[in-house]
Amino acid sequence: MVLFLEIVLVITSLLLIVLILLHKGRGGGLSDMFGGGVSSGLGGSSVAERNLDRITIGLGVIWFVCIVALGLLFKTGG
């Protein structure tokens, strides 16, 4: 069980890194420093951005559950 959770944790961690880097910069942060501030003002979130948000949140929840489960398993010695 621990091995399975560790594998899921590594996969979700890598996917979260990729998905977070795919997000469009909202301005005022590091994205402006690297040219992210030059975006078109078409406004609103597209369907792709909303789906990216949903996938990222879902993976974040799975990542968090894996962290908690691994912590409980290591605490109980299982």
C-alpha atoms as a PDB file:
ATOM      1  CA  MET A   1       0.000   0.000   0.000  1.00  0.00           C
ATOM      2  CA  VAL A   2       2.820   2.387   0.860  1.00  0.00           C
ATOM      3  CA  LEU A   3       4.556   1.721  -2.455  1.00  0.00           C
ATOM      4  CA  PHE A   4       1.332   2.389  -4.368  1.00  0.00           C
ATOM      5  CA  LEU A   5       0.755   5.682  -2.539  1.00  0.00           C
ATOM      6  CA  GLU A   6       4.366   6.752  -3.115  1.00  0.00           C
ATOM      7  CA  ILE A   7       4.050   6.074  -6.845  1.00  0.00           C
ATOM      8  CA  VAL A   8       0.760   8.004  -7.014  1.00  0.00           C
ATOM      9  CA  LEU A   9       2.394  10.836  -5.049  1.00  0.00           C
ATOM     10  CA  VAL A  10       5.318  11.104  -7.471  1.00  0.00           C
ATOM     11  CA  ILE A  11       3.058  11.007 -10.535  1.00  0.00           C
ATOM     12  CA  THR A  12       0.640  13.601  -9.158  1.00  0.00           C
ATOM     13  CA  SER A  13       3.545  15.830  -8.080  1.00  0.00           C
ATOM     14  CA  LEU A  14       5.017  15.839 -11.577  1.00  0.00           C
ATOM     15  CA  LEU A  15       1.630  16.417 -13.188  1.00  0.00           C
ATOM     16  CA  LEU A  16       0.892  19.296 -10.801  1.00  0.00           C
ATOM     17  CA  ILE A  17       4.178  20.965 -11.719  1.00  0.00           C
ATOM     18  CA  VAL A  18       3.344  20.721 -15.418  1.00  0.00           C
ATOM     19  CA  LEU A  19      -0.265  21.867 -15.011  1.00  0.00           C
ATOM     20  CA  ILE A  20       0.635  24.819 -12.799  1.00  0.00           C
ATOM     21  CA  LEU A  21       3.219  25.948 -15.323  1.00  0.00           C
ATOM     22  CA  LEU A  22       0.564  25.749 -18.070  1.00  0.00           C
ATOM     23  CA  HIS A  23      -1.707  28.227 -16.280  1.00  0.00           C
ATOM     24  CA  LYS A  24      -1.960  31.696 -17.747  1.00  0.00           C
ATOM     25  CA  GLY A  25      -0.388  34.417 -15.633  1.00  0.00           C
ATOM     26  CA  ARG A  26      -2.857  36.704 -13.887  1.00  0.00           C
ATOM     27  CA  GLY A  27      -0.399  39.612 -13.757  1.00  0.00           C
ATOM     28  CA  GLY A  28       1.570  41.229 -11.004  1.00  0.00           C
ATOM     29  CA  GLY A  29       3.837  38.273 -10.373  1.00  0.00           C
ATOM     30  CA  LEU A  30       6.754  36.450 -11.887  1.00  0.00           C
ATOM     31  CA  SER A  31       4.864  35.987 -15.145  1.00  0.00           C
ATOM     32  CA  ASP A  32       5.146  39.736 -15.815  1.00  0.00           C
ATOM     33  CA  MET A  33       8.876  39.601 -15.305  1.00  0.00           C
ATOM     34  CA  PHE A  34       9.265  37.061 -18.096  1.00  0.00           C
ATOM     35  CA  GLY A  35       6.915  38.669 -20.607  1.00  0.00           C
ATOM     36  CA  GLY A  36       3.639  37.228 -19.369  1.00  0.00           C
ATOM     37  CA  GLY A  37       2.199  40.705 -18.943  1.00  0.00           C
ATOM     38  CA  VAL A  38       1.900  41.163 -22.705  1.00  0.00           C
ATOM     39  CA  SER A  39      -1.382  39.332 -23.085  1.00  0.00           C
ATOM     40  CA  SER A  40      -4.372  40.158 -25.182  1.00  0.00           C
ATOM     41  CA  GLY A  41      -7.361  41.619 -23.435  1.00  0.00           C
ATOM     42  CA  LEU A  42      -9.929  39.206 -24.779  1.00  0.00           C
ATOM     43  CA  GLY A  43     -11.273  38.849 -21.240  1.00  0.00           C
ATOM     44  CA  GLY A  44     -12.858  35.938 -19.417  1.00  0.00           C
ATOM     45  CA  SER A  45     -11.685  32.420 -18.948  1.00  0.00           C
ATOM     46  CA  SER A  46     -11.898  30.052 -21.831  1.00  0.00           C
ATOM     47  CA  VAL A  47     -13.265  26.548 -21.523  1.00  0.00           C
ATOM     48  CA  ALA A  48      -9.746  25.172 -21.724  1.00  0.00           C
ATOM     49  CA  GLU A  49      -8.607  27.328 -18.803  1.00  0.00           C
ATOM     50  CA  ARG A  50     -11.568  26.270 -16.677  1.00  0.00           C
ATOM     51  CA  ASN A  51     -10.894  22.613 -17.453  1.00  0.00           C
ATOM     52  CA  LEU A  52      -7.222  23.129 -16.613  1.00  0.00           C
ATOM     53  CA  ASP A  53      -8.300  24.650 -13.295  1.00  0.00           C
ATOM     54  CA  ARG A  54     -10.566  21.694 -12.533  1.00  0.00           C
ATOM     55  CA  ILE A  55      -7.898  19.132 -13.395  1.00  0.00           C
ATOM     56  CA  THR A  56      -5.325  20.977 -11.292  1.00  0.00           C
ATOM     57  CA  ILE A  57      -7.654  21.146  -8.297  1.00  0.00           C
ATOM     58  CA  GLY A  58      -8.531  17.464  -8.655  1.00  0.00           C
ATOM     59  CA  LEU A  59      -4.882  16.458  -8.801  1.00  0.00           C
ATOM     60  CA  GLY A  60      -4.167  18.700  -5.818  1.00  0.00           C
ATOM     61  CA  VAL A  61      -6.827  16.896  -3.789  1.00  0.00           C
ATOM     62  CA  ILE A  62      -5.404  13.488  -4.787  1.00  0.00           C
ATOM     63  CA  TRP A  63      -1.890  14.724  -3.877  1.00  0.00           C
ATOM     64  CA  PHE A  64      -3.115  15.940  -0.474  1.00  0.00           C
ATOM     65  CA  VAL A  65      -4.919  12.662   0.265  1.00  0.00           C
ATOM     66  CA  CYS A  66      -1.756  10.717  -0.603  1.00  0.00           C
ATOM     67  CA  ILE A  67       0.306  12.894   1.753  1.00  0.00           C
ATOM     68  CA  VAL A  68      -2.156  12.402   4.622  1.00  0.00           C
ATOM     69  CA  ALA A  69      -2.487   8.657   3.981  1.00  0.00           C
ATOM     70  CA  LEU A  70       1.282   8.171   3.847  1.00  0.00           C
ATOM     71  CA  GLY A  71       1.686  10.187   7.039  1.00  0.00           C
ATOM     72  CA  LEU A  72      -0.883   8.037   8.823  1.00  0.00           C
ATOM     73  CA  LEU A  73       0.662   4.811   7.507  1.00  0.00           C
ATOM     74  CA  PHE A  74       4.161   5.834   8.601  1.00  0.00           C
ATOM     75  CA  LYS A  75       2.878   6.972  12.002  1.00  0.00           C
ATOM     76  CA  THR A  76       1.164   3.651  12.662  1.00  0.00           C
ATOM     77  CA  GLY A  77       4.093   1.666  11.305  1.00  0.00           C
ATOM     78  CA  GLY A  78       2.079   0.123   8.502  1.00  0.00           C
END
